[in-house]
Amino acid sequence: MVPTKIRIAAWAMLIAQAGIIFTGGIVRLTGSGLGCSDWPKCTPDSLVATQEMGIHGAIEFGNRLLAVALALLGVLIMCLLWKRRRSRPDLFWLNVGLVAIVPVQAVVGGITVWTKLNPWVVAGHFVPSAVAVGVAAYFVRRTYDTGVRTGPAAPSPLPALGWTILGLTATVVILGVLTTGAGPHSGSTMSTRNGLDNVLITRAHALPVWLLVAATVIALVVAARKRWTPMLRPLQVLLVVEICQGIIGYVQYFLGVPIVLVAFHMIGLSATIAASVAVCDSAYPRSTHADRPLPVVR
């Protein structure tokens, strides 16, 4: 089995990936998107934020420092997994992928600064982070098993429902990014919005959210009837997260998207992605011990 220190490091990676999304949201919500006016330096004359740049410079540079810490964490995990790269190649290469996303994000982040926070570039900057949260969640789950499937997948239609939930989550995320790009929090007074109608894009964002909730409830009922226990807890967690996200989403909309509620919505977004990945993966269980049988479908 995977040592506890690797499992802890995997959780740290998931939290850090979600943290990047949260701090990136704080950068936008506080108008600190151009707190560092250049890239890779903070300014043409300084690598780091200076006192004269004020709170906006500190917030933006803090977000950049977290990205560096994320890369260092990935390297640390790679060292921990090096001796197990042959016995657990799934863990090793998942972590390699997570490390590889960091420089890509750094470059795209630099482009967002150079383009003065163009909303379409900002949207492109967010998507890899959302993917990284999903991969990190899958990475965490893999640290709790042997890495080898020794039994059948969940009975039909649970695998299809799992993939449907994951696909709807991706749709919700993309439309949520477009909704944010049409809203009031641009990240800087110098940046523009994407030009989409705020009411229409918000309604378009809400539709797949309701479909996601419906798919989750259907999957939960089917899993209970089929007695496919590996999927029950992930589905229950996802449903709770969806309800909380829905409440925050509607309240923030009717209150004019206040900063505090938007920040909580960003946290819930990462939780939704991670929970959806867990649901989809739970349709393909792996034994936690080589000699332990998988659940039997009755």
Protein backbone atom coordinates (compact mmCIF):
# COMPACT_ATOMS: atom_id res chain seq x y z
CA MET A 1 0.00 0.00 0.00
CA VAL A 2 0.98 3.64 -0.40
CA PRO A 3 2.83 5.10 2.63
CA THR A 4 0.98 7.65 4.72
CA LYS A 5 3.44 10.43 3.85
CA ILE A 6 2.62 10.09 0.15
CA ARG A 7 -1.10 10.13 0.89
CA ILE A 8 -0.69 13.29 2.99
CA ALA A 9 1.34 14.88 0.20
CA ALA A 10 -1.40 14.01 -2.29
CA TRP A 11 -3.99 15.74 -0.11
CA ALA A 12 -1.66 18.72 0.18
CA MET A 13 -1.49 18.83 -3.62
CA LEU A 14 -5.28 18.83 -3.92
CA ILE A 15 -5.63 21.58 -1.32
CA ALA A 16 -2.90 23.63 -3.02
CA GLN A 17 -4.54 23.28 -6.44
CA ALA A 18 -7.84 24.44 -4.97
CA GLY A 19 -5.91 27.20 -3.17
CA ILE A 20 -4.57 28.52 -6.48
CA ILE A 21 -8.15 28.88 -7.73
CA PHE A 22 -9.18 30.61 -4.50
CA THR A 23 -6.26 33.05 -4.43
CA GLY A 24 -6.72 33.73 -8.14
CA GLY A 25 -10.31 34.61 -7.32
CA ILE A 26 -9.16 36.92 -4.54
CA VAL A 27 -6.85 38.65 -7.02
CA ARG A 28 -9.81 39.34 -9.28
CA LEU A 29 -12.27 40.25 -6.53
CA THR A 30 -9.91 42.80 -4.96
CA GLY A 31 -8.99 44.37 -8.29
CA SER A 32 -5.38 43.21 -7.91
CA GLY A 33 -5.05 41.57 -11.32
CA LEU A 34 -2.47 44.14 -12.41
CA GLY A 35 -0.94 44.54 -8.97
CA CYS A 36 2.18 43.23 -10.68
CA SER A 37 2.30 45.13 -13.96
CA ASP A 38 4.76 42.82 -15.70
CA TRP A 39 5.76 39.17 -16.03
CA PRO A 40 7.88 37.20 -15.13
CA LYS A 41 9.03 40.13 -13.00
CA CYS A 42 6.47 41.94 -10.87
CA THR A 43 7.50 45.20 -12.54
CA PRO A 44 10.11 45.92 -15.21
CA ASP A 45 12.48 46.97 -12.41
CA SER A 46 11.60 44.54 -9.61
CA LEU A 47 11.25 40.77 -9.36
CA VAL A 48 9.07 41.06 -6.25
CA ALA A 49 6.32 43.36 -5.07
CA THR A 50 7.53 46.50 -3.34
CA GLN A 51 5.98 48.51 -0.53
CA GLU A 52 5.09 51.30 -2.93
CA MET A 53 2.83 48.90 -4.89
CA GLY A 54 0.50 48.57 -1.90
CA ILE A 55 -1.97 45.80 -1.13
CA HIS A 56 -2.73 45.00 -4.77
CA GLY A 57 0.90 44.21 -5.49
CA ALA A 58 1.12 42.04 -2.37
CA ILE A 59 -2.01 40.06 -3.31
CA GLU A 60 -0.95 39.45 -6.91
CA PHE A 61 2.63 38.54 -5.95
CA GLY A 62 1.31 36.25 -3.20
CA ASN A 63 -0.66 34.36 -5.81
CA ARG A 64 2.51 33.94 -7.86
CA LEU A 65 4.40 32.67 -4.82
CA LEU A 66 1.74 30.04 -4.20
CA ALA A 67 2.26 28.79 -7.76
CA VAL A 68 5.98 28.41 -6.99
CA ALA A 69 5.15 26.52 -3.79
CA LEU A 70 2.84 24.28 -5.81
CA ALA A 71 5.67 23.42 -8.20
CA LEU A 72 8.01 22.65 -5.29
CA LEU A 73 5.37 20.40 -3.73
CA GLY A 74 5.08 18.52 -7.03
CA VAL A 75 8.84 17.99 -7.13
CA LEU A 76 8.78 16.76 -3.53
CA ILE A 77 6.04 14.25 -4.34
CA MET A 78 8.00 13.11 -7.38
CA CYS A 79 10.97 12.37 -5.13
CA LEU A 80 8.72 10.43 -2.73
CA LEU A 81 7.33 8.38 -5.62
CA TRP A 82 10.62 7.81 -7.42
CA LYS A 83 11.29 4.39 -5.89
CA ARG A 84 7.68 3.38 -6.64
CA ARG A 85 7.58 4.65 -10.22
CA ARG A 86 7.54 1.06 -11.50
CA SER A 87 5.16 -0.47 -8.97
CA ARG A 88 2.80 2.55 -9.05
CA PRO A 89 3.31 4.26 -12.42
CA ASP A 90 -0.23 5.65 -12.19
CA LEU A 91 0.70 7.81 -9.20
CA PHE A 92 4.03 8.84 -10.64
CA TRP A 93 2.66 10.02 -13.98
CA LEU A 94 -0.37 11.71 -12.46
CA ASN A 95 2.01 13.80 -10.39
CA VAL A 96 4.19 14.50 -13.43
CA GLY A 97 1.11 15.84 -15.18
CA LEU A 98 0.27 18.07 -12.22
CA VAL A 99 3.80 19.45 -12.14
CA ALA A 100 3.71 20.07 -15.91
CA ILE A 101 0.58 22.20 -15.57
CA VAL A 102 2.41 24.73 -13.38
CA PRO A 103 4.70 26.25 -16.05
CA VAL A 104 1.84 26.24 -18.55
CA GLN A 105 -0.26 28.19 -16.07
CA ALA A 106 2.62 30.55 -15.38
CA VAL A 107 2.99 31.40 -19.07
CA VAL A 108 -0.75 31.86 -19.58
CA GLY A 109 -0.79 34.00 -16.44
CA GLY A 110 1.94 36.16 -17.94
CA ILE A 111 -0.12 36.58 -21.10
CA THR A 112 -3.09 37.73 -19.03
CA VAL A 113 -0.91 40.48 -17.56
CA TRP A 114 0.50 41.48 -20.96
CA THR A 115 -3.04 41.70 -22.39
CA LYS A 116 -4.25 43.77 -19.42
CA LEU A 117 -6.55 40.97 -18.20
CA ASN A 118 -8.30 40.24 -21.46
CA PRO A 119 -11.41 38.31 -20.22
CA TRP A 120 -10.96 35.53 -22.79
CA VAL A 121 -7.32 35.01 -21.82
CA VAL A 122 -8.32 35.07 -18.15
CA ALA A 123 -10.90 32.37 -18.91
CA GLY A 124 -8.20 30.29 -20.60
CA HIS A 125 -6.01 30.80 -17.54
CA PHE A 126 -8.67 29.32 -15.27
CA VAL A 127 -9.48 26.13 -17.20
CA PRO A 128 -6.11 24.36 -16.59
CA SER A 129 -6.49 25.06 -12.87
CA ALA A 130 -9.92 23.42 -12.87
CA VAL A 131 -8.46 20.41 -14.69
CA ALA A 132 -5.61 20.26 -12.17
CA VAL A 133 -8.09 20.10 -9.27
CA GLY A 134 -9.81 17.15 -10.95
CA VAL A 135 -6.52 15.35 -11.59
CA ALA A 136 -5.38 16.02 -8.03
CA ALA A 137 -8.64 14.58 -6.68
CA TYR A 138 -8.11 11.46 -8.79
CA PHE A 139 -4.51 11.32 -7.55
CA VAL A 140 -5.70 11.35 -3.93
CA ARG A 141 -8.13 8.50 -4.59
CA ARG A 142 -5.41 6.40 -6.17
CA THR A 143 -3.33 6.61 -2.98
CA TYR A 144 -6.02 4.61 -1.16
CA ASP A 145 -5.90 1.50 -3.36
CA THR A 146 -3.55 -0.99 -4.95
CA GLY A 147 -3.65 0.71 -8.36
CA VAL A 148 -5.06 -2.35 -10.11
CA ARG A 149 -8.69 -3.08 -10.86
CA THR A 150 -9.51 -6.63 -9.82
CA GLY A 151 -13.23 -6.70 -10.46
CA PRO A 152 -16.00 -5.47 -12.76
CA ALA A 153 -17.23 -1.92 -13.08
CA ALA A 154 -20.47 -0.82 -11.48
CA PRO A 155 -23.65 -2.25 -13.00
CA SER A 156 -25.34 -0.32 -15.79
CA PRO A 157 -26.27 2.53 -15.95
CA LEU A 158 -24.00 3.75 -13.12
CA PRO A 159 -20.80 4.15 -15.19
CA ALA A 160 -22.71 6.18 -17.79
CA LEU A 161 -24.26 8.30 -15.06
CA GLY A 162 -20.81 8.87 -13.55
CA TRP A 163 -19.46 10.16 -16.86
CA THR A 164 -22.58 12.25 -17.38
CA ILE A 165 -22.05 13.89 -13.99
CA LEU A 166 -18.42 14.61 -14.84
CA GLY A 167 -19.37 16.04 -18.24
CA LEU A 168 -22.06 18.26 -16.74
CA THR A 169 -19.58 19.49 -14.14
CA ALA A 170 -17.18 20.49 -16.91
CA THR A 171 -20.02 22.33 -18.66
CA VAL A 172 -20.95 24.12 -15.44
CA VAL A 173 -17.34 25.20 -14.93
CA ILE A 174 -16.93 26.56 -18.47
CA LEU A 175 -20.22 28.47 -18.38
CA GLY A 176 -19.35 29.70 -14.90
CA VAL A 177 -16.10 31.14 -16.22
CA LEU A 178 -18.00 32.92 -19.01
CA THR A 179 -20.52 34.22 -16.46
CA THR A 180 -17.70 35.62 -14.35
CA GLY A 181 -16.22 37.25 -17.44
CA ALA A 182 -19.50 39.06 -18.02
CA GLY A 183 -19.89 40.14 -14.40
CA PRO A 184 -18.61 43.15 -12.45
CA HIS A 185 -15.41 41.64 -11.00
CA SER A 186 -12.89 42.23 -13.78
CA GLY A 187 -9.75 42.12 -11.68
CA SER A 188 -8.72 45.66 -12.57
CA THR A 189 -10.27 48.98 -13.58
CA MET A 190 -8.19 48.75 -16.76
CA SER A 191 -9.65 45.44 -17.98
CA THR A 192 -12.75 44.92 -20.10
CA ARG A 193 -15.57 42.36 -19.89
CA ASN A 194 -16.31 39.66 -22.46
CA GLY A 195 -19.41 41.41 -23.79
CA LEU A 196 -21.87 38.59 -23.10
CA ASP A 197 -25.30 39.45 -21.72
CA ASN A 198 -24.98 38.94 -17.97
CA VAL A 199 -28.56 37.73 -17.44
CA LEU A 200 -28.57 35.31 -20.37
CA ILE A 201 -25.18 33.76 -19.58
CA THR A 202 -26.20 33.40 -15.93
CA ARG A 203 -29.33 31.50 -16.95
CA ALA A 204 -27.27 29.37 -19.35
CA HIS A 205 -24.96 28.60 -16.44
CA ALA A 206 -27.89 27.61 -14.20
CA LEU A 207 -29.36 25.07 -16.66
CA PRO A 208 -26.55 22.47 -16.51
CA VAL A 209 -26.41 23.02 -12.73
CA TRP A 210 -30.00 21.77 -12.42
CA LEU A 211 -29.24 18.91 -14.81
CA LEU A 212 -26.21 18.02 -12.67
CA VAL A 213 -28.34 17.90 -9.52
CA ALA A 214 -30.92 15.73 -11.30
CA ALA A 215 -28.23 13.33 -12.58
CA THR A 216 -26.75 13.09 -9.08
CA VAL A 217 -30.11 12.25 -7.50
CA ILE A 218 -30.84 9.63 -10.19
CA ALA A 219 -27.41 8.06 -9.72
CA LEU A 220 -27.87 8.00 -5.96
CA VAL A 221 -31.23 6.20 -6.28
CA VAL A 222 -29.82 3.71 -8.79
CA ALA A 223 -26.71 3.02 -6.70
CA ALA A 224 -28.89 2.36 -3.64
CA ARG A 225 -31.15 -0.01 -5.57
CA LYS A 226 -28.20 -1.81 -7.15
CA ARG A 227 -26.45 -1.91 -3.76
CA TRP A 228 -23.29 -0.51 -5.29
CA THR A 229 -21.85 0.83 -2.05
CA PRO A 230 -18.60 2.39 -3.42
CA MET A 231 -20.68 5.06 -5.17
CA LEU A 232 -23.06 5.96 -2.35
CA ARG A 233 -20.80 8.13 -0.19
CA PRO A 234 -19.26 10.08 -3.12
CA LEU A 235 -22.74 10.77 -4.49
CA GLN A 236 -24.00 11.92 -1.10
CA VAL A 237 -21.02 14.28 -0.72
CA LEU A 238 -21.52 15.63 -4.24
CA LEU A 239 -25.22 16.28 -3.63
CA VAL A 240 -24.49 18.23 -0.43
CA VAL A 241 -21.85 20.29 -2.26
CA GLU A 242 -24.26 20.97 -5.12
CA ILE A 243 -26.99 22.16 -2.76
CA CYS A 244 -24.58 24.49 -0.95
CA GLN A 245 -23.23 25.81 -4.24
CA GLY A 246 -26.73 26.37 -5.56
CA ILE A 247 -27.78 28.33 -2.49
CA ILE A 248 -24.65 30.50 -2.62
CA GLY A 249 -25.05 30.99 -6.36
CA TYR A 250 -28.62 32.20 -6.21
CA VAL A 251 -28.05 34.37 -3.13
CA GLN A 252 -24.99 36.04 -4.64
CA TYR A 253 -26.89 36.70 -7.87
CA PHE A 254 -29.81 38.44 -6.18
CA LEU A 255 -27.48 40.40 -3.86
CA GLY A 256 -25.39 41.70 -6.77
CA VAL A 257 -22.47 39.22 -6.44
CA PRO A 258 -20.85 40.50 -3.22
CA ILE A 259 -17.18 39.65 -2.87
CA VAL A 260 -17.50 37.37 0.19
CA LEU A 261 -20.13 35.13 -1.41
CA VAL A 262 -18.20 34.93 -4.67
CA ALA A 263 -15.14 33.81 -2.70
CA PHE A 264 -17.15 31.03 -1.04
CA HIS A 265 -18.52 30.08 -4.47
CA MET A 266 -14.94 29.65 -5.70
CA ILE A 267 -14.22 27.26 -2.82
CA GLY A 268 -17.38 25.33 -3.64
CA LEU A 269 -16.33 25.11 -7.28
CA SER A 270 -13.18 23.17 -6.41
CA ALA A 271 -15.21 20.95 -4.08
CA THR A 272 -17.71 20.25 -6.88
CA ILE A 273 -14.95 19.27 -9.31
CA ALA A 274 -13.26 16.99 -6.79
CA ALA A 275 -16.54 15.36 -5.73
CA SER A 276 -17.59 14.77 -9.36
CA VAL A 277 -14.28 13.07 -10.10
CA ALA A 278 -14.76 10.88 -7.03
CA VAL A 279 -18.25 9.89 -8.20
CA CYS A 280 -17.09 8.95 -11.70
CA ASP A 281 -14.07 7.03 -10.39
CA SER A 282 -16.17 5.16 -7.82
CA ALA A 283 -17.91 3.35 -10.68
CA TYR A 284 -14.60 1.56 -11.30
CA PRO A 285 -13.48 0.46 -7.82
CA ARG A 286 -10.10 -0.99 -6.97
CA SER A 287 -9.41 -3.23 -4.02
CA THR A 288 -7.52 -1.63 -1.16
CA HIS A 289 -5.78 -4.98 -0.60
CA ALA A 290 -4.83 -7.50 -3.23
CA ASP A 291 -6.59 -10.31 -1.37
CA ARG A 292 -9.75 -8.37 -0.54
CA PRO A 293 -12.71 -8.94 -2.87
CA LEU A 294 -14.64 -6.08 -4.42
CA PRO A 295 -18.33 -5.50 -3.63
CA VAL A 296 -20.65 -8.10 -5.11
CA VAL A 297 -23.67 -6.84 -7.06
CA ARG A 298 -26.84 -8.54 -5.89
